[in-house]
PDB file of N, CA and C in Angstrom:
ATOM      1  N   MET A   1      24.859  23.298  14.396  1.00  0.00           N
ATOM      2  CA  MET A   1      23.550  23.413  15.215  1.00  0.00           C
ATOM      3  C   MET A   1      23.960  23.164  16.624  1.00  0.00           C
ATOM      4  N   THR A   2      23.510  23.890  17.515  1.00  0.00           N
ATOM      5  CA  THR A   2      23.744  23.701  18.916  1.00  0.00           C
ATOM      6  C   THR A   2      22.621  23.020  19.596  1.00  0.00           C
ATOM      7  N   GLU A   3      22.945  22.535  20.922  1.00  0.00           N
ATOM      8  CA  GLU A   3      21.851  21.791  21.509  1.00  0.00           C
ATOM      9  C   GLU A   3      20.681  22.621  21.832  1.00  0.00           C
ATOM     10  N   ASN A   4      20.745  23.915  21.821  1.00  0.00           N
ATOM     11  CA  ASN A   4      19.683  24.840  22.081  1.00  0.00           C
ATOM     12  C   ASN A   4      18.612  24.731  20.975  1.00  0.00           C
ATOM     13  N   HIS A   5      19.012  24.252  19.809  1.00  0.00           N
ATOM     14  CA  HIS A   5      18.089  24.112  18.622  1.00  0.00           C
ATOM     15  C   HIS A   5      17.274  22.894  18.789  1.00  0.00           C
ATOM     16  N   LEU A   6      17.651  21.887  19.540  1.00  0.00           N
ATOM     17  CA  LEU A   6      16.866  20.585  19.668  1.00  0.00           C
ATOM     18  C   LEU A   6      16.077  20.690  20.979  1.00  0.00           C
ATOM     19  N   PRO A   7      14.817  20.342  20.820  1.00  0.00           N
ATOM     20  CA  PRO A   7      13.951  20.239  22.021  1.00  0.00           C
ATOM     21  C   PRO A   7      14.526  19.303  23.135  1.00  0.00           C
ATOM     22  N   HIS A   8      15.111  18.168  22.696  1.00  0.00           N
ATOM     23  CA  HIS A   8      15.660  17.327  23.722  1.00  0.00           C
ATOM     24  C   HIS A   8      17.155  16.979  23.338  1.00  0.00           C
ATOM     25  N   HIS A   9      17.970  16.908  24.313  1.00  0.00           N
ATOM     26  CA  HIS A   9      19.414  16.569  24.044  1.00  0.00           C
ATOM     27  C   HIS A   9      19.667  15.097  24.408  1.00  0.00           C
ATOM     28  N   HIS A  10      19.620  14.204  23.525  1.00  0.00           N
ATOM     29  CA  HIS A  10      19.777  12.772  23.804  1.00  0.00           C
ATOM     30  C   HIS A  10      21.184  12.306  23.494  1.00  0.00           C
ATOM     31  N   HIS A  11      21.810  12.733  22.406  1.00  0.00           N
ATOM     32  CA  HIS A  11      23.132  12.357  22.031  1.00  0.00           C
ATOM     33  C   HIS A  11      23.956  13.409  21.461  1.00  0.00           C
ATOM     34  N   ASP A  12      25.255  13.381  21.670  1.00  0.00           N
ATOM     35  CA  ASP A  12      26.109  14.311  21.094  1.00  0.00           C
ATOM     36  C   ASP A  12      26.323  14.088  19.645  1.00  0.00           C
ATOM     37  N   GLU A  13      26.166  12.826  19.196  1.00  0.00           N
ATOM     38  CA  GLU A  13      26.401  12.395  17.842  1.00  0.00           C
ATOM     39  C   GLU A  13      25.297  13.085  16.933  1.00  0.00           C
ATOM     40  N   THR A  14      24.117  13.275  17.464  1.00  0.00           N
ATOM     41  CA  THR A  14      23.125  13.948  16.619  1.00  0.00           C
ATOM     42  C   THR A  14      23.495  15.427  16.343  1.00  0.00           C
ATOM     43  N   GLU A  15      23.892  16.107  17.324  1.00  0.00           N
ATOM     44  CA  GLU A  15      24.323  17.429  17.064  1.00  0.00           C
ATOM     45  C   GLU A  15      25.509  17.457  15.982  1.00  0.00           C
ATOM     46  N   GLN A  16      26.510  16.610  16.182  1.00  0.00           N
ATOM     47  CA  GLN A  16      27.633  16.449  15.295  1.00  0.00           C
ATOM     48  C   GLN A  16      27.189  16.081  13.915  1.00  0.00           C
ATOM     49  N   MET A  17      26.261  15.285  13.868  1.00  0.00           N
ATOM     50  CA  MET A  17      25.773  14.881  12.501  1.00  0.00           C
ATOM     51  C   MET A  17      25.127  16.009  11.753  1.00  0.00           C
ATOM     52  N   PHE A  18      24.389  16.762  12.427  1.00  0.00           N
ATOM     53  CA  PHE A  18      23.742  17.906  11.838  1.00  0.00           C
ATOM     54  C   PHE A  18      24.857  18.997  11.354  1.00  0.00           C
ATOM     55  N   ASP A  19      25.885  19.056  12.110  1.00  0.00           N
ATOM     56  CA  ASP A  19      26.996  19.918  11.712  1.00  0.00           C
ATOM     57  C   ASP A  19      27.603  19.591  10.414  1.00  0.00           C
ATOM     58  N   HIS A  20      27.527  18.340   9.990  1.00  0.00           N
ATOM     59  CA  HIS A  20      28.161  17.830   8.746  1.00  0.00           C
ATOM     60  C   HIS A  20      27.103  17.473   7.644  1.00  0.00           C
ATOM     61  N   MET A  21      25.925  17.752   7.912  1.00  0.00           N
ATOM     62  CA  MET A  21      24.780  17.469   7.021  1.00  0.00           C
ATOM     63  C   MET A  21      24.885  18.361   5.800  1.00  0.00           C
ATOM     64  N   PRO A  22      24.755  17.795   4.589  1.00  0.00           N
ATOM     65  CA  PRO A  22      24.720  18.611   3.408  1.00  0.00           C
ATOM     66  C   PRO A  22      23.679  19.709   3.504  1.00  0.00           C
ATOM     67  N   ALA A  23      23.798  20.665   2.689  1.00  0.00           N
ATOM     68  CA  ALA A  23      22.806  21.646   2.540  1.00  0.00           C
ATOM     69  C   ALA A  23      21.539  21.220   2.002  1.00  0.00           C
ATOM     70  N   VAL A  24      20.358  21.943   2.303  1.00  0.00           N
ATOM     71  CA  VAL A  24      19.129  21.549   1.741  1.00  0.00           C
ATOM     72  C   VAL A  24      19.165  21.412   0.262  1.00  0.00           C
ATOM     73  N   GLU A  25      19.883  22.328  -0.454  1.00  0.00           N
ATOM     74  CA  GLU A  25      20.062  22.432  -1.879  1.00  0.00           C
ATOM     75  C   GLU A  25      20.616  21.030  -2.400  1.00  0.00           C
ATOM     76  N   ALA A  26      21.584  20.546  -1.657  1.00  0.00           N
ATOM     77  CA  ALA A  26      22.212  19.242  -2.089  1.00  0.00           C
ATOM     78  C   ALA A  26      21.183  18.072  -2.068  1.00  0.00           C
ATOM     79  N   PHE A  27      20.281  18.076  -1.064  1.00  0.00           N
ATOM     80  CA  PHE A  27      19.273  17.084  -1.062  1.00  0.00           C
ATOM     81  C   PHE A  27      18.235  17.261  -2.055  1.00  0.00           C
ATOM     82  N   SER A  28      17.912  18.545  -2.341  1.00  0.00           N
ATOM     83  CA  SER A  28      16.969  18.869  -3.420  1.00  0.00           C
ATOM     84  C   SER A  28      17.522  18.386  -4.747  1.00  0.00           C
ATOM     85  N   ALA A  29      18.684  18.667  -5.026  1.00  0.00           N
ATOM     86  CA  ALA A  29      19.394  18.240  -6.274  1.00  0.00           C
ATOM     87  C   ALA A  29      19.391  16.651  -6.386  1.00  0.00           C
ATOM     88  N   THR A  30      19.712  15.983  -5.284  1.00  0.00           N
ATOM     89  CA  THR A  30      19.691  14.479  -5.219  1.00  0.00           C
ATOM     90  C   THR A  30      18.327  13.956  -5.507  1.00  0.00           C
ATOM     91  N   ALA A  31      17.328  14.542  -4.834  1.00  0.00           N
ATOM     92  CA  ALA A  31      15.936  14.175  -5.082  1.00  0.00           C
ATOM     93  C   ALA A  31      15.525  14.339  -6.499  1.00  0.00           C
ATOM     94  N   ASP A  32      15.902  15.451  -7.065  1.00  0.00           N
ATOM     95  CA  ASP A  32      15.586  15.673  -8.610  1.00  0.00           C
ATOM     96  C   ASP A  32      16.289  14.570  -9.431  1.00  0.00           C
ATOM     97  N   LEU A  33      17.461  14.230  -9.174  1.00  0.00           N
ATOM     98  CA  LEU A  33      18.147  13.151  -9.899  1.00  0.00           C
ATOM     99  C   LEU A  33      17.485  11.843  -9.770  1.00  0.00           C
ATOM    100  N   MET A  34      17.067  11.508  -8.435  1.00  0.00           N
ATOM    101  CA  MET A  34      16.404  10.220  -8.171  1.00  0.00           C
ATOM    102  C   MET A  34      14.953  10.314  -9.016  1.00  0.00           C
ATOM    103  N   LYS A  35      14.262  11.326  -9.011  1.00  0.00           N
ATOM    104  CA  LYS A  35      13.111  11.428  -9.733  1.00  0.00           C
ATOM    105  C   LYS A  35      13.272  11.269 -11.151  1.00  0.00           C
ATOM    106  N   LEU A  36      14.262  11.797 -11.733  1.00  0.00           N
ATOM    107  CA  LEU A  36      14.709  11.598 -13.180  1.00  0.00           C
ATOM    108  C   LEU A  36      14.849  10.096 -13.404  1.00  0.00           C
ATOM    109  N   LEU A  37      15.588   9.420 -12.633  1.00  0.00           N
ATOM    110  CA  LEU A  37      15.889   8.068 -12.901  1.00  0.00           C
ATOM    111  C   LEU A  37      14.872   7.100 -12.337  1.00  0.00           C
ATOM    112  N   SER A  38      13.783   7.551 -11.678  1.00  0.00           N
ATOM    113  CA  SER A  38      12.692   6.786 -11.197  1.00  0.00           C
ATOM    114  C   SER A  38      11.780   6.348 -12.441  1.00  0.00           C
ATOM    115  N   ASP A  39      11.959   6.872 -13.447  1.00  0.00           N
ATOM    116  CA  ASP A  39      11.225   6.403 -14.691  1.00  0.00           C
ATOM    117  C   ASP A  39      11.958   5.175 -15.327  1.00  0.00           C
ATOM    118  N   ASN A  40      11.147   4.054 -15.450  1.00  0.00           N
ATOM    119  CA  ASN A  40      11.691   2.876 -15.983  1.00  0.00           C
ATOM    120  C   ASN A  40      12.455   3.009 -17.314  1.00  0.00           C
ATOM    121  N   THR A  41      11.811   3.734 -18.227  1.00  0.00           N
ATOM    122  CA  THR A  41      12.373   3.859 -19.542  1.00  0.00           C
ATOM    123  C   THR A  41      13.700   4.651 -19.408  1.00  0.00           C
ATOM    124  N   ARG A  42      13.828   5.740 -18.676  1.00  0.00           N
ATOM    125  CA  ARG A  42      15.008   6.540 -18.649  1.00  0.00           C
ATOM    126  C   ARG A  42      16.140   5.724 -17.849  1.00  0.00           C
ATOM    127  N   LEU A  43      15.715   4.913 -16.817  1.00  0.00           N
ATOM    128  CA  LEU A  43      16.676   4.070 -16.181  1.00  0.00           C
ATOM    129  C   LEU A  43      17.295   3.050 -17.060  1.00  0.00           C
ATOM    130  N   ARG A  44      16.499   2.419 -17.877  1.00  0.00           N
ATOM    131  CA  ARG A  44      16.950   1.469 -18.856  1.00  0.00           C
ATOM    132  C   ARG A  44      17.824   2.128 -19.920  1.00  0.00           C
ATOM    133  N   LEU A  45      17.392   3.217 -20.370  1.00  0.00           N
ATOM    134  CA  LEU A  45      18.144   3.963 -21.438  1.00  0.00           C
ATOM    135  C   LEU A  45      19.523   4.416 -20.868  1.00  0.00           C
ATOM    136  N   PHE A  46      19.580   4.909 -19.701  1.00  0.00           N
ATOM    137  CA  PHE A  46      20.863   5.303 -18.973  1.00  0.00           C
ATOM    138  C   PHE A  46      21.725   4.065 -18.855  1.00  0.00           C
ATOM    139  N   TRP A  47      21.055   2.947 -18.383  1.00  0.00           N
ATOM    140  CA  TRP A  47      21.835   1.684 -18.259  1.00  0.00           C
ATOM    141  C   TRP A  47      22.488   1.249 -19.502  1.00  0.00           C
ATOM    142  N   ILE A  48      21.731   1.312 -20.553  1.00  0.00           N
ATOM    143  CA  ILE A  48      22.242   0.845 -21.862  1.00  0.00           C
ATOM    144  C   ILE A  48      23.478   1.819 -22.385  1.00  0.00           C
ATOM    145  N   LEU A  49      23.211   3.097 -22.111  1.00  0.00           N
ATOM    146  CA  LEU A  49      24.290   4.022 -22.588  1.00  0.00           C
ATOM    147  C   LEU A  49      25.477   4.032 -21.639  1.00  0.00           C
ATOM    148  N   CYS A  50      25.400   3.398 -20.425  1.00  0.00           N
ATOM    149  CA  CYS A  50      26.602   3.144 -19.593  1.00  0.00           C
ATOM    150  C   CYS A  50      27.416   2.037 -20.183  1.00  0.00           C
ATOM    151  N   HIS A  51      26.809   1.181 -20.966  1.00  0.00           N
ATOM    152  CA  HIS A  51      27.424   0.068 -21.498  1.00  0.00           C
ATOM    153  C   HIS A  51      27.936   0.197 -22.924  1.00  0.00           C
ATOM    154  N   CYS A  52      27.318   1.090 -23.694  1.00  0.00           N
ATOM    155  CA  CYS A  52      27.724   1.269 -25.048  1.00  0.00           C
ATOM    156  C   CYS A  52      27.319   2.641 -25.614  1.00  0.00           C
ATOM    157  N   GLU A  53      27.899   2.994 -26.713  1.00  0.00           N
ATOM    158  CA  GLU A  53      27.469   4.168 -27.409  1.00  0.00           C
ATOM    159  C   GLU A  53      26.472   3.842 -28.500  1.00  0.00           C
ATOM    160  N   GLU A  54      25.452   4.555 -28.664  1.00  0.00           N
ATOM    161  CA  GLU A  54      24.396   4.015 -29.573  1.00  0.00           C
ATOM    162  C   GLU A  54      23.699   5.241 -30.235  1.00  0.00           C
ATOM    163  N   CYS A  55      23.212   4.975 -31.452  1.00  0.00           N
ATOM    164  CA  CYS A  55      22.292   6.021 -32.200  1.00  0.00           C
ATOM    165  C   CYS A  55      20.837   5.874 -31.825  1.00  0.00           C
ATOM    166  N   PRO A  56      20.193   6.976 -31.954  1.00  0.00           N
ATOM    167  CA  PRO A  56      18.768   6.935 -31.538  1.00  0.00           C
ATOM    168  C   PRO A  56      17.901   5.824 -32.269  1.00  0.00           C
ATOM    169  N   LEU A  57      18.106   5.529 -33.545  1.00  0.00           N
ATOM    170  CA  LEU A  57      17.385   4.569 -34.251  1.00  0.00           C
ATOM    171  C   LEU A  57      17.517   3.230 -33.583  1.00  0.00           C
ATOM    172  N   ASN A  58      18.715   2.845 -33.173  1.00  0.00           N
ATOM    173  CA  ASN A  58      18.913   1.552 -32.524  1.00  0.00           C
ATOM    174  C   ASN A  58      18.339   1.618 -31.103  1.00  0.00           C
ATOM    175  N   LEU A  59      18.425   2.749 -30.412  1.00  0.00           N
ATOM    176  CA  LEU A  59      17.870   2.773 -29.082  1.00  0.00           C
ATOM    177  C   LEU A  59      16.364   2.712 -29.095  1.00  0.00           C
ATOM    178  N   SER A  60      15.708   3.271 -30.092  1.00  0.00           N
ATOM    179  CA  SER A  60      14.279   3.192 -30.235  1.00  0.00           C
ATOM    180  C   SER A  60      13.861   1.739 -30.446  1.00  0.00           C
ATOM    181  N   ALA A  61      14.628   1.036 -31.259  1.00  0.00           N
ATOM    182  CA  ALA A  61      14.393  -0.368 -31.460  1.00  0.00           C
ATOM    183  C   ALA A  61      14.574  -1.177 -30.233  1.00  0.00           C
ATOM    184  N   LEU A  62      15.696  -0.933 -29.482  1.00  0.00           N
ATOM    185  CA  LEU A  62      16.051  -1.696 -28.315  1.00  0.00           C
ATOM    186  C   LEU A  62      14.901  -1.550 -27.179  1.00  0.00           C
ATOM    187  N   LEU A  63      14.403  -0.256 -27.140  1.00  0.00           N
ATOM    188  CA  LEU A  63      13.453   0.026 -26.097  1.00  0.00           C
ATOM    189  C   LEU A  63      11.980  -0.101 -26.464  1.00  0.00           C
ATOM    190  N   GLY A  64      11.764  -0.393 -27.852  1.00  0.00           N
ATOM    191  CA  GLY A  64      10.471  -0.449 -28.426  1.00  0.00           C
ATOM    192  C   GLY A  64       9.685   0.844 -28.222  1.00  0.00           C
ATOM    193  N   MET A  65      10.185   1.938 -28.590  1.00  0.00           N
ATOM    194  CA  MET A  65       9.474   3.230 -28.414  1.00  0.00           C
ATOM    195  C   MET A  65       9.699   4.122 -29.678  1.00  0.00           C
ATOM    196  N   SER A  66       8.800   5.019 -29.826  1.00  0.00           N
ATOM    197  CA  SER A  66       8.867   5.959 -31.018  1.00  0.00           C
ATOM    198  C   SER A  66      10.100   6.898 -30.807  1.00  0.00           C
ATOM    199  N   SER A  67      10.519   7.460 -31.988  1.00  0.00           N
ATOM    200  CA  SER A  67      11.640   8.418 -31.943  1.00  0.00           C
ATOM    201  C   SER A  67      11.297   9.590 -31.200  1.00  0.00           C
ATOM    202  N   PRO A  68      10.129  10.181 -31.233  1.00  0.00           N
ATOM    203  CA  PRO A  68       9.806  11.434 -30.421  1.00  0.00           C
ATOM    204  C   PRO A  68       9.912  11.050 -28.903  1.00  0.00           C
ATOM    205  N   ALA A  69       9.410  10.000 -28.521  1.00  0.00           N
ATOM    206  CA  ALA A  69       9.391   9.615 -27.036  1.00  0.00           C
ATOM    207  C   ALA A  69      10.771   9.482 -26.592  1.00  0.00           C
ATOM    208  N   LEU A  70      11.671   8.802 -27.429  1.00  0.00           N
ATOM    209  CA  LEU A  70      13.074   8.536 -27.102  1.00  0.00           C
ATOM    210  C   LEU A  70      13.755   9.926 -27.045  1.00  0.00           C
ATOM    211  N   ALA A  71      13.516  10.851 -27.948  1.00  0.00           N
ATOM    212  CA  ALA A  71      14.127  12.115 -27.922  1.00  0.00           C
ATOM    213  C   ALA A  71      13.855  12.843 -26.655  1.00  0.00           C
ATOM    214  N   HIS A  72      12.631  12.707 -26.172  1.00  0.00           N
ATOM    215  CA  HIS A  72      12.255  13.373 -24.945  1.00  0.00           C
ATOM    216  C   HIS A  72      13.109  12.886 -23.804  1.00  0.00           C
ATOM    217  N   HIS A  73      13.253  11.535 -23.622  1.00  0.00           N
ATOM    218  CA  HIS A  73      14.016  10.980 -22.553  1.00  0.00           C
ATOM    219  C   HIS A  73      15.546  11.293 -22.798  1.00  0.00           C
ATOM    220  N   LEU A  74      16.024  11.327 -23.823  1.00  0.00           N
ATOM    221  CA  LEU A  74      17.481  11.608 -24.092  1.00  0.00           C
ATOM    222  C   LEU A  74      17.655  13.114 -23.736  1.00  0.00           C
ATOM    223  N   LYS A  75      16.694  14.001 -24.046  1.00  0.00           N
ATOM    224  CA  LYS A  75      16.946  15.379 -23.759  1.00  0.00           C
ATOM    225  C   LYS A  75      17.003  15.586 -22.248  1.00  0.00           C
ATOM    226  N   LEU A  76      16.107  14.889 -21.505  1.00  0.00           N
ATOM    227  CA  LEU A  76      16.103  14.909 -20.037  1.00  0.00           C
ATOM    228  C   LEU A  76      17.404  14.469 -19.468  1.00  0.00           C
ATOM    229  N   LEU A  77      17.851  13.352 -19.952  1.00  0.00           N
ATOM    230  CA  LEU A  77      19.173  12.723 -19.379  1.00  0.00           C
ATOM    231  C   LEU A  77      20.344  13.643 -19.764  1.00  0.00           C
ATOM    232  N   LYS A  78      20.284  14.228 -20.885  1.00  0.00           N
ATOM    233  CA  LYS A  78      21.384  15.120 -21.417  1.00  0.00           C
ATOM    234  C   LYS A  78      21.401  16.379 -20.609  1.00  0.00           C
ATOM    235  N   THR A  79      20.205  16.962 -20.408  1.00  0.00           N
ATOM    236  CA  THR A  79      20.155  18.225 -19.544  1.00  0.00           C
ATOM    237  C   THR A  79      20.643  17.951 -18.100  1.00  0.00           C
ATOM    238  N   ALA A  80      20.433  16.791 -17.636  1.00  0.00           N
ATOM    239  CA  ALA A  80      20.876  16.468 -16.194  1.00  0.00           C
ATOM    240  C   ALA A  80      22.398  16.082 -16.150  1.00  0.00           C
ATOM    241  N   GLY A  81      22.956  16.067 -17.378  1.00  0.00           N
ATOM    242  CA  GLY A  81      24.455  15.769 -17.393  1.00  0.00           C
ATOM    243  C   GLY A  81      24.760  14.304 -17.305  1.00  0.00           C
ATOM    244  N   LEU A  82      23.760  13.449 -17.464  1.00  0.00           N
ATOM    245  CA  LEU A  82      24.091  12.010 -17.239  1.00  0.00           C
ATOM    246  C   LEU A  82      24.501  11.396 -18.573  1.00  0.00           C
ATOM    247  N   ILE A  83      24.200  11.966 -19.717  1.00  0.00           N
ATOM    248  CA  ILE A  83      24.642  11.415 -20.986  1.00  0.00           C
ATOM    249  C   ILE A  83      25.265  12.584 -21.809  1.00  0.00           C
ATOM    250  N   GLN A  84      25.881  12.189 -22.968  1.00  0.00           N
ATOM    251  CA  GLN A  84      26.427  13.125 -23.831  1.00  0.00           C
ATOM    252  C   GLN A  84      26.340  12.526 -25.236  1.00  0.00           C
ATOM    253  N   SER A  85      26.384  13.444 -26.163  1.00  0.00           N
ATOM    254  CA  SER A  85      26.241  13.018 -27.620  1.00  0.00           C
ATOM    255  C   SER A  85      27.500  13.583 -28.381  1.00  0.00           C
ATOM    256  N   ARG A  86      27.701  12.923 -29.563  1.00  0.00           N
ATOM    257  CA  ARG A  86      28.721  13.375 -30.467  1.00  0.00           C
ATOM    258  C   ARG A  86      28.071  13.144 -31.852  1.00  0.00           C
ATOM    259  N   ARG A  87      28.442  13.964 -32.743  1.00  0.00           N
ATOM    260  CA  ARG A  87      27.986  13.869 -34.211  1.00  0.00           C
ATOM    261  C   ARG A  87      29.050  13.277 -35.008  1.00  0.00           C
ATOM    262  N   GLU A  88      28.637  12.433 -35.901  1.00  0.00           N
ATOM    263  CA  GLU A  88      29.618  11.861 -36.962  1.00  0.00           C
ATOM    264  C   GLU A  88      28.773  11.899 -38.210  1.00  0.00           C
ATOM    265  N   GLY A  89      29.108  12.917 -39.081  1.00  0.00           N
ATOM    266  CA  GLY A  89      28.372  13.178 -40.251  1.00  0.00           C
ATOM    267  C   GLY A  89      26.940  13.546 -39.899  1.00  0.00           C
ATOM    268  N   LYS A  90      25.961  12.804 -40.498  1.00  0.00           N
ATOM    269  CA  LYS A  90      24.601  13.140 -40.179  1.00  0.00           C
ATOM    270  C   LYS A  90      24.115  12.386 -38.918  1.00  0.00           C
ATOM    271  N   GLU A  91      24.877  11.401 -38.451  1.00  0.00           N
ATOM    272  CA  GLU A  91      24.467  10.565 -37.298  1.00  0.00           C
ATOM    273  C   GLU A  91      24.949  11.082 -35.973  1.00  0.00           C
ATOM    274  N   VAL A  92      24.068  10.972 -34.992  1.00  0.00           N
ATOM    275  CA  VAL A  92      24.346  11.337 -33.580  1.00  0.00           C
ATOM    276  C   VAL A  92      24.505  10.060 -32.779  1.00  0.00           C
ATOM    277  N   TYR A  93      25.445  10.077 -31.912  1.00  0.00           N
ATOM    278  CA  TYR A  93      25.654   8.986 -31.030  1.00  0.00           C
ATOM    279  C   TYR A  93      25.602   9.381 -29.481  1.00  0.00           C
ATOM    280  N   TYR A  94      24.956   8.616 -28.807  1.00  0.00           N
ATOM    281  CA  TYR A  94      24.812   8.937 -27.258  1.00  0.00           C
ATOM    282  C   TYR A  94      25.569   7.891 -26.454  1.00  0.00           C
ATOM    283  N   ARG A  95      26.099   8.371 -25.344  1.00  0.00           N
ATOM    284  CA  ARG A  95      26.689   7.526 -24.366  1.00  0.00           C
ATOM    285  C   ARG A  95      26.649   8.119 -22.974  1.00  0.00           C
ATOM    286  N   ALA A  96      26.903   7.433 -21.964  1.00  0.00           N
ATOM    287  CA  ALA A  96      26.893   7.995 -20.612  1.00  0.00           C
ATOM    288  C   ALA A  96      28.043   9.038 -20.511  1.00  0.00           C
ATOM    289  N   ALA A  97      27.853  10.006 -19.719  1.00  0.00           N
ATOM    290  CA  ALA A  97      28.839  11.062 -19.524  1.00  0.00           C
ATOM    291  C   ALA A  97      29.955  10.539 -18.644  1.00  0.00           C
ATOM    292  N   ASP A  98      31.157  10.946 -18.815  1.00  0.00           N
ATOM    293  CA  ASP A  98      32.234  10.503 -18.084  1.00  0.00           C
ATOM    294  C   ASP A  98      32.433  11.476 -16.833  1.00  0.00           C
ATOM    295  N   THR A  99      31.625  11.395 -15.873  1.00  0.00           N
ATOM    296  CA  THR A  99      31.595  12.245 -14.716  1.00  0.00           C
ATOM    297  C   THR A  99      31.653  11.442 -13.457  1.00  0.00           C
ATOM    298  N   PRO A 100      32.027  12.043 -12.403  1.00  0.00           N
ATOM    299  CA  PRO A 100      31.976  11.277 -11.064  1.00  0.00           C
ATOM    300  C   PRO A 100      30.581  10.819 -10.670  1.00  0.00           C
ATOM    301  N   CYS A 101      29.675  11.587 -10.994  1.00  0.00           N
ATOM    302  CA  CYS A 101      28.282  11.239 -10.722  1.00  0.00           C
ATOM    303  C   CYS A 101      27.838   9.931 -11.431  1.00  0.00           C
ATOM    304  N   VAL A 102      28.052   9.907 -12.723  1.00  0.00           N
ATOM    305  CA  VAL A 102      27.676   8.739 -13.557  1.00  0.00           C
ATOM    306  C   VAL A 102      28.542   7.515 -13.171  1.00  0.00           C
ATOM    307  N   ARG A 103      29.863   7.727 -12.937  1.00  0.00           N
ATOM    308  CA  ARG A 103      30.702   6.616 -12.509  1.00  0.00           C
ATOM    309  C   ARG A 103      30.197   5.993 -11.150  1.00  0.00           C
ATOM    310  N   ALA A 104      29.529   6.873 -10.310  1.00  0.00           N
ATOM    311  CA  ALA A 104      28.990   6.338  -9.073  1.00  0.00           C
ATOM    312  C   ALA A 104      27.592   5.687  -9.255  1.00  0.00           C
ATOM    313  N   LEU A 105      26.819   6.319 -10.115  1.00  0.00           N
ATOM    314  CA  LEU A 105      25.412   5.845 -10.339  1.00  0.00           C
ATOM    315  C   LEU A 105      25.381   4.490 -11.031  1.00  0.00           C
ATOM    316  N   HIS A 106      26.205   4.298 -12.030  1.00  0.00           N
ATOM    317  CA  HIS A 106      26.048   3.073 -12.757  1.00  0.00           C
ATOM    318  C   HIS A 106      26.197   1.768 -11.872  1.00  0.00           C
ATOM    319  N   PRO A 107      27.297   1.684 -11.078  1.00  0.00           N
ATOM    320  CA  PRO A 107      27.370   0.432 -10.280  1.00  0.00           C
ATOM    321  C   PRO A 107      26.259   0.366  -9.224  1.00  0.00           C
ATOM    322  N   MET A 108      25.875   1.597  -8.700  1.00  0.00           N
ATOM    323  CA  MET A 108      24.748   1.495  -7.767  1.00  0.00           C
ATOM    324  C   MET A 108      23.508   1.050  -8.400  1.00  0.00           C
ATOM    325  N   ILE A 109      23.155   1.363  -9.586  1.00  0.00           N
ATOM    326  CA  ILE A 109      21.976   0.938 -10.329  1.00  0.00           C
ATOM    327  C   ILE A 109      22.062  -0.552 -10.429  1.00  0.00           C
ATOM    328  N   GLU A 110      23.191  -1.061 -10.899  1.00  0.00           N
ATOM    329  CA  GLU A 110      23.470  -2.561 -11.098  1.00  0.00           C
ATOM    330  C   GLU A 110      23.281  -3.303  -9.782  1.00  0.00           C
ATOM    331  N   GLN A 111      23.757  -2.746  -8.676  1.00  0.00           N
ATOM    332  CA  GLN A 111      23.723  -3.403  -7.440  1.00  0.00           C
ATOM    333  C   GLN A 111      22.206  -3.485  -6.906  1.00  0.00           C
ATOM    334  N   ILE A 112      21.574  -2.298  -7.100  1.00  0.00           N
ATOM    335  CA  ILE A 112      20.218  -2.269  -6.593  1.00  0.00           C
ATOM    336  C   ILE A 112      19.263  -3.164  -7.468  1.00  0.00           C
ATOM    337  N   ALA A 113      19.559  -3.251  -8.727  1.00  0.00           N
ATOM    338  CA  ALA A 113      18.777  -4.208  -9.549  1.00  0.00           C
ATOM    339  C   ALA A 113      19.073  -5.699  -9.146  1.00  0.00           C
ATOM    340  N   ASP A 114      20.314  -5.954  -8.756  1.00  0.00           N
ATOM    341  CA  ASP A 114      20.623  -7.292  -8.313  1.00  0.00           C
ATOM    342  C   ASP A 114      19.943  -7.632  -7.000  1.00  0.00           C
ATOM    343  N   LEU A 115      19.841  -6.643  -6.164  1.00  0.00           N
ATOM    344  CA  LEU A 115      19.131  -6.774  -4.881  1.00  0.00           C
ATOM    345  C   LEU A 115      17.642  -6.872  -4.990  1.00  0.00           C
ATOM    346  N   SER A 116      17.117  -6.130  -5.944  1.00  0.00           N
ATOM    347  CA  SER A 116      15.708  -6.101  -6.205  1.00  0.00           C
ATOM    348  C   SER A 116      15.109  -7.314  -6.879  1.00  0.00           C
ATOM    349  N   CYS A 117      16.001  -7.884  -7.743  1.00  0.00           N
ATOM    350  CA  CYS A 117      15.559  -9.035  -8.561  1.00  0.00           C
ATOM    351  C   CYS A 117      16.531 -10.150  -8.367  1.00  0.00           C
ATOM    352  N   PRO A 118      16.685 -10.669  -7.255  1.00  0.00           N
ATOM    353  CA  PRO A 118      17.611 -11.907  -7.221  1.00  0.00           C
ATOM    354  C   PRO A 118      17.201 -12.974  -8.092  1.00  0.00           C
ATOM    355  N   GLU A 119      18.182 -13.740  -8.603  1.00  0.00           N
ATOM    356  CA  GLU A 119      17.861 -14.787  -9.487  1.00  0.00           C
ATOM    357  C   GLU A 119      17.489 -16.031  -8.800  1.00  0.00           C
TER     358      GLU A 119
END
C-alpha cells in the first residue's frame, strides 16, 4: 500500500505494516477457527483431546452430554483439522491432530485460561 491510499500520512510504520499484513482470507480463516473454539463444550473437548486419546463413550461421560451432541462437536473439530480419529476393532478413538496449528493453539488456550481465571 502506498501513502496515496491513506487519507493522512502519519507514520511510515503504518504503510510498512500494511505491506506485511496477511490477506483478508487469512483473517477470515482465523476468525472461523476462533468462532469454532468459542463454544465452551468444543473448547473443553479440544483441551481434553490435547491431553489424551479417548473414546466417545468416555468423552460423553466426562462432558456430561449425549452421544449425538458429542458426535456433532467431534465432527466440527475433525472437519476443522483440530482432531483426528483412529479405529481399533469396533472402537473409535479421538485425539488432537499433530499439526502446527494444534501445537500452537493448545498452549495458548492454557495460557489464556490461566490469565482468565487466576487462582
